[in-house]
Each structure stands twice: as C-alpha cells, then as structure tokens.
C-alpha cells in the first residue's frame, strides 16, 4: 500500500469500458458512434411481440371473467 494506505488498484486508471453503441467524444468535440449498424434484431422483435400477446391475452381473460361475474 502506497500513498497513505490507499491500495494501488484504486489509483490505477480504469480500463476502457465503452460498450457497443455508446458515444465517444473525439478530439475537437466531434461525436462518433461505436456500433455495428447491421445488428440482427429479429429475435428481439419476436420476443417483444410474444410479451405483447401474453399481456393482451391476460387483459382479455380478465375482462371476460369480469363480464361473467356481473
């Protein structure tokens, strides 16, 4: 432990933690996107649609349950 009891790993510069799609500021204030524009989002779309269908089925079933109990 150097520097008054502070462990060395706290004093080191953290690694570059930029993820895909994050924006970097490049010299002169320019903005540069770090991403792959050819991402395949078909699986994401199918998953979102499946969750939507499940929510609709739940609402319809609760509505019919309400109507039957009137």
N, C-alpha and C. Protein backbone atom coordinates (compact mmCIF):
# COMPACT_ATOMS: atom_id res chain seq x y z
N UNK A 1 0.84 -1.18 0.00
CA UNK A 1 0.00 0.00 0.00
C UNK A 1 0.88 1.24 0.00
N UNK A 2 0.73 2.02 -1.03
CA UNK A 2 1.45 3.27 -1.11
C UNK A 2 0.46 4.43 -0.98
N UNK A 3 0.98 5.64 -0.96
CA UNK A 3 0.17 6.86 -0.92
C UNK A 3 -0.79 6.89 0.25
N UNK A 4 -0.26 6.72 1.44
CA UNK A 4 -1.07 6.90 2.63
C UNK A 4 -2.08 5.80 2.88
N UNK A 5 -1.79 4.58 2.51
CA UNK A 5 -2.67 3.47 2.81
C UNK A 5 -3.73 3.18 1.76
N UNK A 6 -3.70 3.86 0.60
CA UNK A 6 -4.68 3.60 -0.45
C UNK A 6 -4.14 2.48 -1.34
N UNK A 7 -4.89 1.39 -1.52
CA UNK A 7 -4.41 0.30 -2.36
C UNK A 7 -4.13 0.77 -3.79
N UNK A 8 -3.14 0.17 -4.42
CA UNK A 8 -2.69 0.58 -5.75
C UNK A 8 -3.80 0.45 -6.79
N UNK A 9 -4.67 -0.57 -6.68
CA UNK A 9 -5.69 -0.75 -7.70
C UNK A 9 -6.72 0.37 -7.70
N UNK A 10 -6.84 1.15 -6.62
CA UNK A 10 -7.71 2.31 -6.62
C UNK A 10 -7.06 3.50 -7.32
N UNK A 11 -5.75 3.50 -7.40
CA UNK A 11 -5.04 4.61 -8.00
C UNK A 11 -4.81 4.43 -9.49
N UNK A 12 -4.94 3.20 -9.99
CA UNK A 12 -4.72 2.95 -11.41
C UNK A 12 -5.91 3.44 -12.22
N UNK A 13 -5.64 3.80 -13.47
CA UNK A 13 -6.70 4.25 -14.38
C UNK A 13 -7.57 3.04 -14.73
N UNK A 14 -8.90 3.17 -14.67
CA UNK A 14 -9.77 2.04 -15.00
C UNK A 14 -9.67 1.72 -16.49
N UNK A 15 -9.91 0.48 -16.87
CA UNK A 15 -9.85 0.10 -18.28
C UNK A 15 -10.97 0.80 -19.06
N UNK A 16 -10.78 0.88 -20.38
CA UNK A 16 -11.79 1.48 -21.24
C UNK A 16 -13.03 0.60 -21.21
N UNK A 17 -14.14 1.15 -20.72
CA UNK A 17 -15.34 0.34 -20.55
C UNK A 17 -16.42 0.71 -21.55
N UNK A 18 -16.06 1.27 -22.68
CA UNK A 18 -17.05 1.63 -23.69
C UNK A 18 -17.69 0.36 -24.23
N UNK A 19 -19.00 0.37 -24.34
CA UNK A 19 -19.77 -0.75 -24.88
C UNK A 19 -20.22 -0.40 -26.30
N UNK A 20 -20.70 -1.39 -27.02
CA UNK A 20 -21.18 -1.17 -28.37
C UNK A 20 -22.37 -0.21 -28.33
N UNK A 21 -22.35 0.81 -29.18
CA UNK A 21 -23.44 1.76 -29.27
C UNK A 21 -23.27 3.00 -28.43
N UNK A 22 -22.27 3.05 -27.58
CA UNK A 22 -22.06 4.24 -26.78
C UNK A 22 -21.36 5.31 -27.61
N UNK A 23 -21.55 6.55 -27.24
CA UNK A 23 -20.98 7.66 -27.98
C UNK A 23 -19.69 8.11 -27.32
N UNK A 24 -18.67 8.30 -28.13
CA UNK A 24 -17.39 8.81 -27.64
C UNK A 24 -17.23 10.25 -28.09
N UNK A 25 -16.54 11.04 -27.29
CA UNK A 25 -16.18 12.38 -27.72
C UNK A 25 -14.75 12.30 -28.23
N UNK A 26 -14.59 12.61 -29.49
CA UNK A 26 -13.29 12.56 -30.14
C UNK A 26 -12.78 13.99 -30.22
N UNK A 27 -11.47 14.17 -30.35
CA UNK A 27 -10.84 15.49 -30.37
C UNK A 27 -11.66 16.56 -31.07
N UNK A 28 -11.76 17.72 -30.47
CA UNK A 28 -12.50 18.83 -31.06
C UNK A 28 -13.99 18.77 -30.80
N UNK A 29 -14.46 17.87 -29.95
CA UNK A 29 -15.87 17.80 -29.62
C UNK A 29 -16.71 17.05 -30.63
N UNK A 30 -16.09 16.35 -31.58
CA UNK A 30 -16.85 15.58 -32.55
C UNK A 30 -17.46 14.37 -31.85
N UNK A 31 -18.64 13.97 -32.31
CA UNK A 31 -19.29 12.79 -31.75
C UNK A 31 -19.12 11.63 -32.73
N UNK A 32 -18.73 10.49 -32.20
CA UNK A 32 -18.52 9.31 -33.02
C UNK A 32 -19.24 8.15 -32.38
N UNK A 33 -20.06 7.44 -33.16
CA UNK A 33 -20.78 6.29 -32.64
C UNK A 33 -19.92 5.05 -32.80
N UNK A 34 -19.82 4.27 -31.72
CA UNK A 34 -19.14 2.98 -31.74
C UNK A 34 -20.19 1.89 -31.83
N UNK A 35 -20.63 1.54 -33.01
CA UNK A 35 -21.64 0.49 -33.11
C UNK A 35 -21.57 -0.20 -34.45
N UNK A 36 -22.23 -1.33 -34.51
CA UNK A 36 -22.36 -2.08 -35.75
C UNK A 36 -23.77 -1.83 -36.26
N UNK A 37 -23.92 -1.19 -37.41
CA UNK A 37 -25.24 -0.82 -37.91
C UNK A 37 -25.98 -2.00 -38.52
N UNK A 38 -25.38 -3.17 -38.57
CA UNK A 38 -26.02 -4.33 -39.18
C UNK A 38 -26.46 -5.35 -38.13
N UNK A 39 -26.98 -4.87 -37.00
CA UNK A 39 -27.42 -5.77 -35.95
C UNK A 39 -28.69 -6.49 -36.38
N UNK A 40 -28.81 -7.77 -36.01
CA UNK A 40 -29.99 -8.55 -36.31
C UNK A 40 -30.93 -8.47 -35.12
N UNK A 41 -32.06 -7.78 -35.28
CA UNK A 41 -32.99 -7.57 -34.19
C UNK A 41 -34.26 -8.41 -34.34
N UNK A 42 -34.23 -9.42 -35.21
CA UNK A 42 -35.42 -10.23 -35.42
C UNK A 42 -35.83 -10.96 -34.14
N UNK A 43 -34.89 -11.49 -33.39
CA UNK A 43 -35.20 -12.19 -32.15
C UNK A 43 -35.79 -11.25 -31.10
N UNK A 44 -35.29 -10.03 -31.05
CA UNK A 44 -35.82 -9.04 -30.12
C UNK A 44 -37.26 -8.69 -30.48
N UNK A 45 -37.53 -8.50 -31.75
CA UNK A 45 -38.88 -8.17 -32.20
C UNK A 45 -39.84 -9.30 -31.86
N UNK A 46 -39.44 -10.54 -32.10
CA UNK A 46 -40.30 -11.68 -31.81
C UNK A 46 -40.57 -11.76 -30.30
N UNK A 47 -39.56 -11.52 -29.48
CA UNK A 47 -39.74 -11.57 -28.03
C UNK A 47 -40.70 -10.48 -27.55
N UNK A 48 -40.56 -9.28 -28.08
CA UNK A 48 -41.45 -8.19 -27.69
C UNK A 48 -42.88 -8.49 -28.12
N UNK A 49 -43.05 -9.02 -29.31
CA UNK A 49 -44.40 -9.37 -29.77
C UNK A 49 -45.00 -10.48 -28.91
N UNK A 50 -44.20 -11.46 -28.50
CA UNK A 50 -44.70 -12.54 -27.65
C UNK A 50 -45.16 -12.00 -26.30
N UNK A 51 -44.39 -11.09 -25.71
CA UNK A 51 -44.79 -10.49 -24.44
C UNK A 51 -46.07 -9.69 -24.62
N UNK A 52 -46.19 -8.96 -25.72
CA UNK A 52 -47.40 -8.20 -26.01
C UNK A 52 -48.62 -9.10 -26.14
N UNK A 53 -48.47 -10.22 -26.82
CA UNK A 53 -49.58 -11.17 -26.97
C UNK A 53 -50.00 -11.73 -25.61
N UNK A 54 -49.03 -12.05 -24.78
CA UNK A 54 -49.34 -12.56 -23.43
C UNK A 54 -50.11 -11.52 -22.63
N UNK A 55 -49.69 -10.27 -22.70
CA UNK A 55 -50.39 -9.20 -21.97
C UNK A 55 -51.82 -9.04 -22.48
N UNK A 56 -52.01 -9.07 -23.79
CA UNK A 56 -53.35 -8.94 -24.36
C UNK A 56 -54.23 -10.10 -23.94
N UNK A 57 -53.69 -11.32 -23.97
CA UNK A 57 -54.47 -12.50 -23.54
C UNK A 57 -54.88 -12.36 -22.08
N UNK A 58 -53.99 -11.87 -21.23
CA UNK A 58 -54.33 -11.69 -19.82
C UNK A 58 -55.44 -10.67 -19.65
N UNK A 59 -55.34 -9.52 -20.35
CA UNK A 59 -56.38 -8.49 -20.24
C UNK A 59 -57.73 -9.01 -20.74
N UNK A 60 -57.74 -9.72 -21.85
CA UNK A 60 -59.00 -10.24 -22.40
C UNK A 60 -59.60 -11.27 -21.46
N UNK A 61 -58.78 -12.14 -20.90
CA UNK A 61 -59.31 -13.16 -19.99
C UNK A 61 -59.87 -12.52 -18.72
N UNK A 62 -59.21 -11.49 -18.19
CA UNK A 62 -59.73 -10.80 -17.01
C UNK A 62 -61.02 -10.05 -17.35
N UNK A 63 -61.10 -9.46 -18.54
CA UNK A 63 -62.33 -8.79 -18.96
C UNK A 63 -63.49 -9.78 -19.03
N UNK A 64 -63.28 -10.96 -19.65
CA UNK A 64 -64.35 -11.95 -19.74
C UNK A 64 -64.73 -12.48 -18.37
N UNK A 65 -63.76 -12.62 -17.48
CA UNK A 65 -64.06 -13.03 -16.11
C UNK A 65 -64.95 -11.99 -15.43
N UNK A 66 -64.65 -10.73 -15.64
CA UNK A 66 -65.45 -9.64 -15.07
C UNK A 66 -66.87 -9.66 -15.64
N UNK A 67 -66.98 -9.81 -16.94
CA UNK A 67 -68.30 -9.83 -17.60
C UNK A 67 -69.13 -11.01 -17.11
N UNK A 68 -68.54 -12.18 -16.92
CA UNK A 68 -69.27 -13.36 -16.49
C UNK A 68 -69.74 -13.24 -15.04
N UNK A 69 -69.08 -12.45 -14.24
CA UNK A 69 -69.45 -12.34 -12.84
C UNK A 69 -70.46 -11.22 -12.58
N UNK A 70 -70.83 -10.46 -13.59
CA UNK A 70 -71.81 -9.39 -13.38
C UNK A 70 -73.17 -9.93 -13.06
